[in-house]
Amino acid sequence: MIRCLTLFVMVCAGIAPAIAETDLFKGGHAKYLFLLNTFPDDSRFLDFIDTPSVDHFGDLRLKFGWQKDRVKLVTDYQLLAGKGDGFILANSLPGNVLVPQRIPSDKFRLMDLTHVISEDSDSVVEHRLDRLYIDITSTSAVARIGRQAVSWGNGLIYTPMDFFNPFDPAAVDKEYKTGDDMLYGQYLRQSGDDLQAVWVFRRDINGEVTSDVDSIAAKYHGFAGDKEYDLLIAEHFEDYIVAVGGITNVGGAIWRGDITLTDTQTENVFSLVTSLSYSWIGWGKNISGVLEYFYNGFGIADGDYSPAALASNPDLVERIVRGELFTLGRNYVAASAMMEITPLWLLTPNVFINASDGSMLAQLVSSYDFKQDWRFLAALGIPVGPPGTEFGGIDSAVPGKTFSTGLSVFAQLAWYF
C-alpha cells in the first residue's frame, strides 16, 4: 500500500526541479465545522449518546499543481480531524446504514492514500491525498489518470446517473466530491458534442484488486438545436446500466432529467429523476427555484423500513453502504429556492419529501461571504413524520425504539487561500 505522506513528499520532490521553467499553481482552504443533533426520547441513538450530540471537524486542503505545455499534475492534500458524539455513535453501531461515515477511507480504493495519525472512540486525525492525477490534453481530447472526481447526470438534487461518490441530497457543503482512482478520457467533436469514458479501479471486501468491483462507463453528450441529451452505458460492480437524459427549455423554465435501467442479474430496476428550474425576481431579490421528482427503483414501496425489510432488499442496502443512494423509499419530491438577499448572502430553503410515507426533511441553508476569502455556511434541519417513517424514525427492532433524529444545526467557517 502507498502511504499518502510518502507519496506527497515524492510528488513535491519530483516537480521541484521543473519549477523555474514551468507553471506551478497552489491554493487551498481551511474549514471548521460545528455540528449539533438532537434526538427524541424514543430514539435508539440515546442508548449510546446523549442529546444533543455535538461534533467538531477540521479540514485543511492544500492544492498543488504543476503544468508544462499540455501536461498537468494535480495534487490535493488533506489534513482532517474530528471529535464528538458522532464518532461514538458510528463505533457503537458499525455497519448501520443510517449512521454516516464521518471521515473518508481508502479501504476499497485502488491506492491507499490515507493514513490515520490517531484514533480513539470519539475522535480521529488523518491525512490523505484526495486528488492525485496527471492530465494530458490536446486540441480535442483529454486523458487523465489517478485519483480524481467525475460528475454525470442532469439531476439537481437526486442523481441516479451519477454513481461515482454522489452527494447526499441534503448535504450542505458540496464543494468537493471524494476522489476515486480511475482512468478518464474525453473526446470533443467539432459540433460541440463530446464522448467521456471512465474506468474506476477498486478493491473488494478482502482487499483484493478485482474487476468484479470495477466501474467501466461511457457517456455521450450531444446537442440537438437548443436541446441537450446524454446517452450512457456502464458496467458498475457486477451490474449493467443504460441511461438517457436531457435538458430543454419549457417557456422560461429549464426542464431536465435522467432515466436509468439497471440489470442487477436478478431483476431490471428502473429509476427516474426530472425537474423544472426557474429564475425570477421577487420582493426585489433574485430567486432561483427547483422542483424535482425522483423515482427510486431500488427503494421500498410499502413504507416498511424494518431491519427485516432492509435485509430482504440487499440491492438497496448495498448502494446505501457504498454511498450511491441516500433514500429508503420509492417516490420523492424536493423543492429548493435560492434567494439572493445581498450579492454576498444567499438564503436557500429546501424540503425533501418522501411521498410514499408522507415524512419530510425541512432545511434552511445560509451562505455568507462576509469578507474576502472568508465564508460562513450554516443550516438548520428539521425532520418531520410519525414513527416508522423515513424521516420520523424507522423501526430499530428494539421495542419502543426508533432510529430517529430531531433538529440539527450545521455551522461552518471557511478560509480560502
Protein backbone atom coordinates (compact mmCIF):
# COMPACT_ATOMS: atom_id res chain seq x y z
CA MET A 1 0.00 0.00 0.00
CA ILE A 2 1.16 3.54 -0.74
CA ARG A 3 1.16 5.84 2.27
CA CYS A 4 -0.05 9.31 1.47
CA LEU A 5 2.66 11.32 3.23
CA THR A 6 5.46 9.47 1.47
CA LEU A 7 3.78 9.92 -1.88
CA PHE A 8 3.09 13.59 -1.19
CA VAL A 9 6.77 14.22 -0.46
CA MET A 10 7.79 12.30 -3.59
CA VAL A 11 5.42 14.33 -5.75
CA CYS A 12 6.73 17.62 -4.38
CA ALA A 13 10.34 16.49 -4.80
CA GLY A 14 9.69 15.34 -8.34
CA ILE A 15 8.29 18.63 -9.56
CA ALA A 16 10.70 20.90 -7.68
CA PRO A 17 13.48 20.90 -10.36
CA ALA A 18 10.98 21.99 -13.01
CA ILE A 19 9.52 24.98 -11.14
CA ALA A 20 11.86 27.50 -12.75
CA GLU A 21 10.77 26.66 -16.28
CA THR A 22 7.15 25.64 -15.79
CA ASP A 23 3.98 26.94 -14.12
CA LEU A 24 3.31 25.99 -10.51
CA PHE A 25 -0.08 26.83 -9.01
CA LYS A 26 -1.29 26.40 -5.47
CA GLY A 27 -4.15 27.24 -3.12
CA GLY A 28 -6.43 25.61 -0.63
CA HIS A 29 -8.75 26.16 2.27
CA ALA A 30 -9.14 25.66 5.99
CA LYS A 31 -12.58 24.80 7.36
CA TYR A 32 -14.02 24.38 10.82
CA LEU A 33 -17.41 22.68 11.22
CA PHE A 34 -19.68 22.56 14.26
CA LEU A 35 -22.47 20.00 14.07
CA LEU A 36 -25.28 19.59 16.60
CA ASN A 37 -28.03 16.97 16.54
CA THR A 38 -30.95 16.41 18.88
CA PHE A 39 -32.86 13.17 19.43
CA PRO A 40 -36.42 12.45 20.64
CA ASP A 41 -36.97 10.41 23.80
CA ASP A 42 -37.74 7.18 21.90
CA SER A 43 -34.59 7.34 19.77
CA ARG A 44 -32.43 4.23 19.75
CA PHE A 45 -29.41 6.51 19.39
CA LEU A 46 -29.89 7.68 23.00
CA ASP A 47 -28.80 4.22 24.16
CA PHE A 48 -25.28 5.22 23.10
CA ILE A 49 -25.04 9.03 23.34
CA ASP A 50 -26.85 11.92 24.99
CA THR A 51 -28.91 14.66 23.38
CA PRO A 52 -27.86 17.00 21.97
CA SER A 53 -24.85 15.40 20.32
CA VAL A 54 -22.01 17.72 19.34
CA ASP A 55 -19.25 17.16 16.80
CA HIS A 56 -16.30 19.28 15.71
CA PHE A 57 -14.47 18.85 12.40
CA GLY A 58 -11.40 20.45 10.86
CA ASP A 59 -10.43 20.24 7.19
CA LEU A 60 -7.18 21.64 5.78
CA ARG A 61 -6.83 21.22 2.00
CA LEU A 62 -3.58 22.17 0.26
CA LYS A 63 -3.79 22.27 -3.54
CA PHE A 64 -0.67 21.99 -5.63
CA GLY A 65 -0.42 21.81 -9.39
CA TRP A 66 2.30 21.78 -11.99
CA GLN A 67 1.81 22.40 -15.68
CA LYS A 68 4.06 22.39 -18.71
CA ASP A 69 2.52 22.78 -22.15
CA ARG A 70 -0.29 20.19 -22.35
CA VAL A 71 0.70 18.13 -19.31
CA LYS A 72 -0.59 18.92 -15.83
CA LEU A 73 -0.09 17.27 -12.45
CA VAL A 74 -2.68 17.97 -9.75
CA THR A 75 -2.32 17.12 -6.05
CA ASP A 76 -4.76 17.90 -3.24
CA TYR A 77 -3.51 17.09 0.26
CA GLN A 78 -5.97 16.92 3.16
CA LEU A 79 -5.44 17.01 6.91
CA LEU A 80 -8.70 16.02 8.61
CA ALA A 81 -9.63 15.93 12.27
CA GLY A 82 -12.90 15.18 14.01
CA LYS A 83 -14.09 14.76 17.58
CA GLY A 84 -17.51 14.24 19.10
CA ASP A 85 -20.53 12.11 19.77
CA GLY A 86 -21.00 11.14 16.12
CA PHE A 87 -17.83 9.04 16.27
CA ILE A 88 -19.06 7.27 19.40
CA LEU A 89 -22.33 6.51 17.63
CA ALA A 90 -20.60 5.21 14.50
CA ASN A 91 -18.35 2.96 16.59
CA SER A 92 -21.34 1.71 18.61
CA LEU A 93 -23.40 0.85 15.52
CA PRO A 94 -20.86 -0.36 12.93
CA GLY A 95 -22.41 -1.06 9.55
CA ASN A 96 -25.68 0.76 10.32
CA VAL A 97 -26.83 2.32 7.06
CA LEU A 98 -28.29 5.32 8.93
CA VAL A 99 -25.03 6.34 10.61
CA PRO A 100 -22.79 8.11 8.08
CA GLN A 101 -19.05 7.61 7.83
CA ARG A 102 -17.50 10.68 9.42
CA ILE A 103 -14.06 10.64 7.77
CA PRO A 104 -13.12 9.33 4.27
CA SER A 105 -11.44 5.96 3.99
CA ASP A 106 -9.44 4.29 1.21
CA LYS A 107 -10.33 0.77 2.32
CA PHE A 108 -11.90 -0.10 -1.04
CA ARG A 109 -9.92 2.22 -3.33
CA LEU A 110 -7.07 1.02 -5.52
CA MET A 111 -4.47 3.22 -3.83
CA ASP A 112 -4.24 3.63 -0.08
CA LEU A 113 -3.51 7.35 0.09
CA THR A 114 -4.96 7.79 3.59
CA HIS A 115 -3.11 7.40 6.87
CA VAL A 116 -4.74 7.60 10.28
CA ILE A 117 -2.47 9.58 12.61
CA SER A 118 -4.50 8.97 15.77
CA GLU A 119 -7.88 7.47 16.57
CA ASP A 120 -9.98 6.59 19.61
CA SER A 121 -13.66 6.07 20.42
CA ASP A 122 -14.69 9.71 19.87
CA SER A 123 -12.04 11.24 17.62
CA VAL A 124 -9.80 10.71 14.62
CA VAL A 125 -6.98 12.59 12.90
CA GLU A 126 -5.84 11.55 9.44
CA HIS A 127 -4.15 12.90 6.36
CA ARG A 128 -4.68 11.84 2.78
CA LEU A 129 -4.45 12.72 -0.88
CA ASP A 130 -7.92 13.43 -2.25
CA ARG A 131 -6.62 14.33 -5.72
CA LEU A 132 -3.53 12.96 -7.44
CA TYR A 133 -3.69 12.77 -11.21
CA ILE A 134 -1.85 13.53 -14.42
CA ASP A 135 -3.82 15.33 -17.10
CA ILE A 136 -2.75 15.33 -20.77
CA THR A 137 -4.70 17.44 -23.26
CA SER A 138 -4.78 18.06 -26.98
CA THR A 139 -6.99 20.33 -29.05
CA SER A 140 -9.81 17.77 -29.00
CA ALA A 141 -9.04 15.20 -26.30
CA VAL A 142 -8.27 14.84 -22.61
CA ALA A 143 -6.64 11.85 -20.89
CA ARG A 144 -6.40 11.75 -17.10
CA ILE A 145 -5.09 9.04 -14.79
CA GLY A 146 -5.07 8.94 -11.00
CA ARG A 147 -7.31 10.00 -8.12
CA GLN A 148 -9.96 12.39 -9.39
CA ALA A 149 -13.70 13.05 -9.36
CA VAL A 150 -16.30 12.97 -12.11
CA SER A 151 -19.97 14.01 -12.03
CA TRP A 152 -22.58 12.90 -14.55
CA GLY A 153 -26.31 13.33 -14.93
CA ASN A 154 -28.90 16.07 -15.00
CA GLY A 155 -30.50 15.69 -11.60
CA LEU A 156 -30.01 18.78 -9.47
CA ILE A 157 -30.88 17.17 -6.13
CA TYR A 158 -31.19 13.41 -6.77
CA THR A 159 -28.68 11.93 -9.23
CA PRO A 160 -29.35 8.32 -10.35
CA MET A 161 -26.97 8.69 -13.33
CA ASP A 162 -24.13 9.85 -11.06
CA PHE A 163 -22.99 6.70 -9.24
CA PHE A 164 -19.40 7.86 -8.54
CA ASN A 165 -19.49 9.21 -4.98
CA PRO A 166 -22.59 11.41 -5.39
CA PHE A 167 -23.52 13.94 -2.74
CA ASP A 168 -26.24 13.28 -0.22
CA PRO A 169 -29.22 15.36 -1.48
CA ALA A 170 -29.38 17.05 1.94
CA ALA A 171 -25.61 17.70 2.19
CA VAL A 172 -24.83 21.32 2.99
CA ASP A 173 -21.19 21.55 1.87
CA LYS A 174 -20.95 20.23 -1.70
CA GLU A 175 -17.70 21.87 -2.70
CA TYR A 176 -15.62 18.71 -3.21
CA LYS A 177 -16.57 15.17 -4.09
CA THR A 178 -14.32 12.48 -2.67
CA GLY A 179 -11.92 11.33 -5.36
CA ASP A 180 -11.69 7.83 -6.87
CA ASP A 181 -8.81 6.08 -8.62
CA MET A 182 -9.63 5.96 -12.30
CA LEU A 183 -8.74 6.40 -15.93
CA TYR A 184 -10.72 9.20 -17.58
CA GLY A 185 -10.91 10.25 -21.19
CA GLN A 186 -12.87 12.82 -23.14
CA TYR A 187 -13.09 13.46 -26.88
CA LEU A 188 -14.61 16.70 -28.12
CA ARG A 189 -16.19 16.80 -31.56
CA GLN A 190 -16.26 19.92 -33.74
CA SER A 191 -20.04 20.02 -33.35
CA GLY A 192 -19.63 20.56 -29.60
CA ASP A 193 -20.72 17.02 -28.74
CA ASP A 194 -18.34 15.02 -26.56
CA LEU A 195 -17.71 11.44 -25.52
CA GLN A 196 -16.47 10.68 -22.00
CA ALA A 197 -15.31 7.35 -20.61
CA VAL A 198 -14.09 6.22 -17.20
CA TRP A 199 -12.64 3.10 -15.67
CA VAL A 200 -12.73 3.11 -11.85
CA PHE A 201 -10.49 0.60 -10.07
CA ARG A 202 -11.38 -0.72 -6.60
CA ARG A 203 -10.60 -3.38 -4.03
CA ASP A 204 -13.13 -5.90 -2.76
CA ILE A 205 -14.02 -6.63 0.85
CA ASN A 206 -10.91 -8.84 1.13
CA GLY A 207 -8.62 -6.07 -0.12
CA GLU A 208 -8.06 -7.74 -3.49
CA VAL A 209 -7.99 -5.78 -6.76
CA THR A 210 -10.65 -7.41 -8.92
CA SER A 211 -12.76 -6.45 -11.92
CA ASP A 212 -15.86 -7.60 -10.02
CA VAL A 213 -15.93 -4.24 -8.20
CA ASP A 214 -14.73 -2.02 -11.06
CA SER A 215 -16.84 0.52 -12.92
CA ILE A 216 -16.46 0.98 -16.68
CA ALA A 217 -18.72 3.59 -18.23
CA ALA A 218 -19.09 5.74 -21.33
CA LYS A 219 -21.35 8.76 -21.82
CA TYR A 220 -22.13 10.69 -24.97
CA HIS A 221 -23.28 14.29 -24.54
CA GLY A 222 -24.87 15.86 -27.58
CA PHE A 223 -26.79 18.89 -28.82
CA ALA A 224 -29.94 18.94 -30.92
CA GLY A 225 -30.79 22.55 -31.62
CA ASP A 226 -31.32 24.24 -28.26
CA LYS A 227 -31.68 20.87 -26.52
CA GLU A 228 -29.01 18.68 -24.90
CA TYR A 229 -29.02 14.94 -24.39
CA ASP A 230 -26.91 12.25 -22.67
CA LEU A 231 -26.57 8.55 -23.50
CA LEU A 232 -24.80 6.29 -21.01
CA ILE A 233 -23.79 2.65 -20.84
CA ALA A 234 -21.88 1.16 -17.93
CA GLU A 235 -20.80 -1.93 -16.06
CA HIS A 236 -20.84 -0.97 -12.39
CA PHE A 237 -19.62 -3.62 -9.94
CA GLU A 238 -21.48 -6.62 -11.46
CA ASP A 239 -24.49 -4.67 -12.75
CA TYR A 240 -25.15 -3.30 -16.22
CA ILE A 241 -26.62 0.19 -16.56
CA VAL A 242 -28.05 2.06 -19.53
CA ALA A 243 -29.34 5.60 -19.17
CA VAL A 244 -30.66 8.52 -21.15
CA GLY A 245 -31.06 12.12 -20.05
CA GLY A 246 -31.55 15.59 -21.38
CA ILE A 247 -32.16 19.30 -20.91
CA THR A 248 -34.58 21.57 -22.76
CA ASN A 249 -36.41 24.88 -22.39
CA VAL A 250 -40.08 24.95 -21.43
CA GLY A 251 -41.30 28.51 -21.63
CA GLY A 252 -38.97 30.42 -19.37
CA ALA A 253 -38.07 27.36 -17.31
CA ILE A 254 -35.49 24.61 -17.79
CA TRP A 255 -36.70 21.01 -17.81
CA ARG A 256 -34.11 18.32 -17.23
CA GLY A 257 -34.00 14.69 -16.23
CA ASP A 258 -32.47 11.21 -16.43
CA ILE A 259 -33.83 7.69 -16.80
CA THR A 260 -31.69 4.71 -15.79
CA LEU A 261 -32.21 0.97 -16.21
CA THR A 262 -30.05 -1.34 -14.11
CA ASP A 263 -29.67 -5.06 -14.75
CA THR A 264 -28.79 -6.49 -11.32
CA GLN A 265 -28.62 -10.06 -12.72
CA THR A 266 -31.77 -10.90 -10.75
CA GLU A 267 -34.07 -8.10 -11.99
CA ASN A 268 -34.19 -4.94 -14.08
CA VAL A 269 -34.56 -1.80 -11.97
CA PHE A 270 -35.85 1.45 -13.40
CA SER A 271 -35.13 4.87 -11.80
CA LEU A 272 -36.01 8.37 -12.91
CA VAL A 273 -35.36 11.97 -11.94
CA THR A 274 -36.99 15.01 -13.53
CA SER A 275 -37.04 18.65 -12.53
CA LEU A 276 -38.11 22.15 -13.50
CA SER A 277 -35.92 25.11 -12.59
CA TYR A 278 -36.86 28.76 -12.99
CA SER A 279 -35.33 32.12 -12.05
CA TRP A 280 -37.26 35.29 -11.29
CA ILE A 281 -37.21 38.50 -9.28
CA GLY A 282 -39.40 38.56 -6.16
CA TRP A 283 -39.52 41.15 -3.39
CA GLY A 284 -36.71 42.89 -5.27
CA LYS A 285 -34.43 39.85 -4.93
CA ASN A 286 -33.03 37.38 -7.45
CA ILE A 287 -34.55 33.94 -6.81
CA SER A 288 -33.78 30.56 -8.41
CA GLY A 289 -36.21 27.74 -7.75
CA VAL A 290 -36.15 23.98 -8.38
CA LEU A 291 -38.92 21.42 -8.16
CA GLU A 292 -37.73 17.83 -8.62
CA TYR A 293 -39.30 14.36 -8.60
CA PHE A 294 -37.25 11.21 -8.02
CA TYR A 295 -38.42 7.65 -8.56
CA ASN A 296 -36.03 5.32 -6.75
CA GLY A 297 -36.47 1.91 -8.32
CA PHE A 298 -34.37 0.30 -5.59
CA GLY A 299 -36.49 1.86 -2.85
CA ILE A 300 -39.10 0.22 -0.61
CA ALA A 301 -42.59 0.95 -1.87
CA ASP A 302 -44.76 -0.01 1.14
CA GLY A 303 -43.05 2.13 3.79
CA ASP A 304 -41.79 -0.86 5.79
CA TYR A 305 -38.17 0.02 6.66
CA SER A 306 -37.75 -2.54 9.43
CA PRO A 307 -34.45 -4.44 9.74
CA ALA A 308 -36.13 -7.49 8.20
CA ALA A 309 -37.42 -5.47 5.24
CA LEU A 310 -33.99 -3.95 4.64
CA ALA A 311 -32.34 -7.36 4.88
CA SER A 312 -34.68 -8.62 2.17
CA ASN A 313 -33.61 -5.77 -0.15
CA PRO A 314 -29.82 -6.26 -0.48
CA ASP A 315 -29.61 -4.21 -3.70
CA LEU A 316 -30.84 -1.14 -1.84
CA VAL A 317 -28.64 -1.71 1.22
CA GLU A 318 -25.52 -2.30 -0.90
CA ARG A 319 -25.99 1.04 -2.67
CA ILE A 320 -26.55 2.91 0.56
CA VAL A 321 -23.44 1.34 2.11
CA ARG A 322 -21.41 2.22 -1.00
CA GLY A 323 -22.64 5.83 -0.83
CA GLU A 324 -24.57 5.73 -4.12
CA LEU A 325 -28.07 6.11 -2.65
CA PHE A 326 -29.33 8.03 0.37
CA THR A 327 -33.05 7.24 0.26
CA LEU A 328 -35.03 4.27 1.55
CA GLY A 329 -38.39 4.86 -0.15
CA ARG A 330 -39.69 4.79 -3.71
CA ASN A 331 -41.07 8.28 -4.50
CA TYR A 332 -39.57 11.64 -3.56
CA VAL A 333 -40.37 15.28 -4.23
CA ALA A 334 -37.86 18.01 -3.44
CA ALA A 335 -38.14 21.78 -3.70
CA SER A 336 -35.48 24.44 -3.32
CA ALA A 337 -35.43 28.22 -3.73
CA MET A 338 -32.17 30.17 -3.54
CA MET A 339 -32.75 33.84 -2.71
CA GLU A 340 -30.02 36.45 -3.13
CA ILE A 341 -30.57 38.58 -0.01
CA THR A 342 -27.45 40.55 -0.99
CA PRO A 343 -24.77 39.73 -3.60
CA LEU A 344 -22.77 38.14 -0.74
CA TRP A 345 -25.58 36.47 1.20
CA LEU A 346 -27.62 33.58 -0.20
CA LEU A 347 -30.55 32.05 1.68
CA THR A 348 -31.91 28.68 0.50
CA PRO A 349 -34.93 26.90 1.98
CA ASN A 350 -35.13 23.22 0.96
CA VAL A 351 -37.67 20.49 1.54
CA PHE A 352 -37.18 16.77 0.84
CA ILE A 353 -40.44 14.78 0.90
CA ASN A 354 -40.81 11.02 0.95
CA ALA A 355 -44.08 10.90 -0.99
CA SER A 356 -44.50 7.20 -0.19
CA ASP A 357 -44.80 7.62 3.59
CA GLY A 358 -45.51 11.35 3.98
CA SER A 359 -42.41 12.21 6.02
CA MET A 360 -40.05 15.01 5.09
CA LEU A 361 -36.90 16.95 5.97
CA ALA A 362 -37.14 20.75 6.04
CA GLN A 363 -33.87 22.61 5.71
CA LEU A 364 -32.76 26.24 5.69
CA VAL A 365 -29.26 26.97 4.35
CA SER A 366 -27.43 30.30 4.59
CA SER A 367 -24.17 31.13 2.78
CA TYR A 368 -22.50 34.44 3.61
CA ASP A 369 -19.20 35.72 2.15
CA PHE A 370 -18.63 38.21 4.96
CA LYS A 371 -15.05 39.05 3.96
CA GLN A 372 -12.74 38.40 1.04
CA ASP A 373 -11.69 34.73 1.11
CA TRP A 374 -13.97 34.02 4.11
CA ARG A 375 -17.32 32.25 4.05
CA PHE A 376 -19.79 31.28 6.75
CA LEU A 377 -22.10 28.40 5.84
CA ALA A 378 -24.95 27.43 8.14
CA ALA A 379 -28.00 25.19 8.01
CA LEU A 380 -30.94 24.22 10.18
CA GLY A 381 -32.62 20.84 9.57
CA ILE A 382 -35.93 19.58 10.95
CA PRO A 383 -37.21 16.06 10.17
CA VAL A 384 -40.99 15.67 10.20
CA GLY A 385 -43.01 12.46 10.28
CA PRO A 386 -44.59 9.85 12.56
CA PRO A 387 -42.61 6.90 13.95
CA GLY A 388 -41.97 4.24 11.35
CA THR A 389 -41.43 6.69 8.50
CA GLU A 390 -38.07 7.51 6.94
CA PHE A 391 -37.69 10.98 8.45
CA GLY A 392 -39.82 10.28 11.51
CA GLY A 393 -37.64 7.35 12.58
CA ILE A 394 -37.59 3.81 11.25
CA ASP A 395 -38.00 0.63 13.30
CA SER A 396 -34.85 -0.33 15.22
CA ALA A 397 -36.01 -3.87 16.17
CA VAL A 398 -35.84 -2.78 19.83
CA PRO A 399 -39.37 -2.46 21.26
CA GLY A 400 -40.40 1.18 21.70
CA LYS A 401 -37.24 2.47 19.98
CA THR A 402 -36.77 4.01 16.53
CA PHE A 403 -33.75 5.28 14.64
CA SER A 404 -35.00 8.86 14.90
CA THR A 405 -33.36 12.27 14.98
CA GLY A 406 -34.58 15.76 15.74
CA LEU A 407 -33.45 19.28 14.95
CA SER A 408 -29.90 19.62 13.61
CA VAL A 409 -27.57 22.63 13.33
CA PHE A 410 -24.68 22.91 10.85
CA ALA A 411 -22.22 25.83 11.14
CA GLN A 412 -19.04 26.04 9.08
CA LEU A 413 -16.38 28.74 8.80
CA ALA A 414 -14.08 28.53 5.74
CA TRP A 415 -10.97 30.48 4.78
CA TYR A 416 -9.65 30.22 1.21
CA PHE A 417 -6.07 30.98 0.20
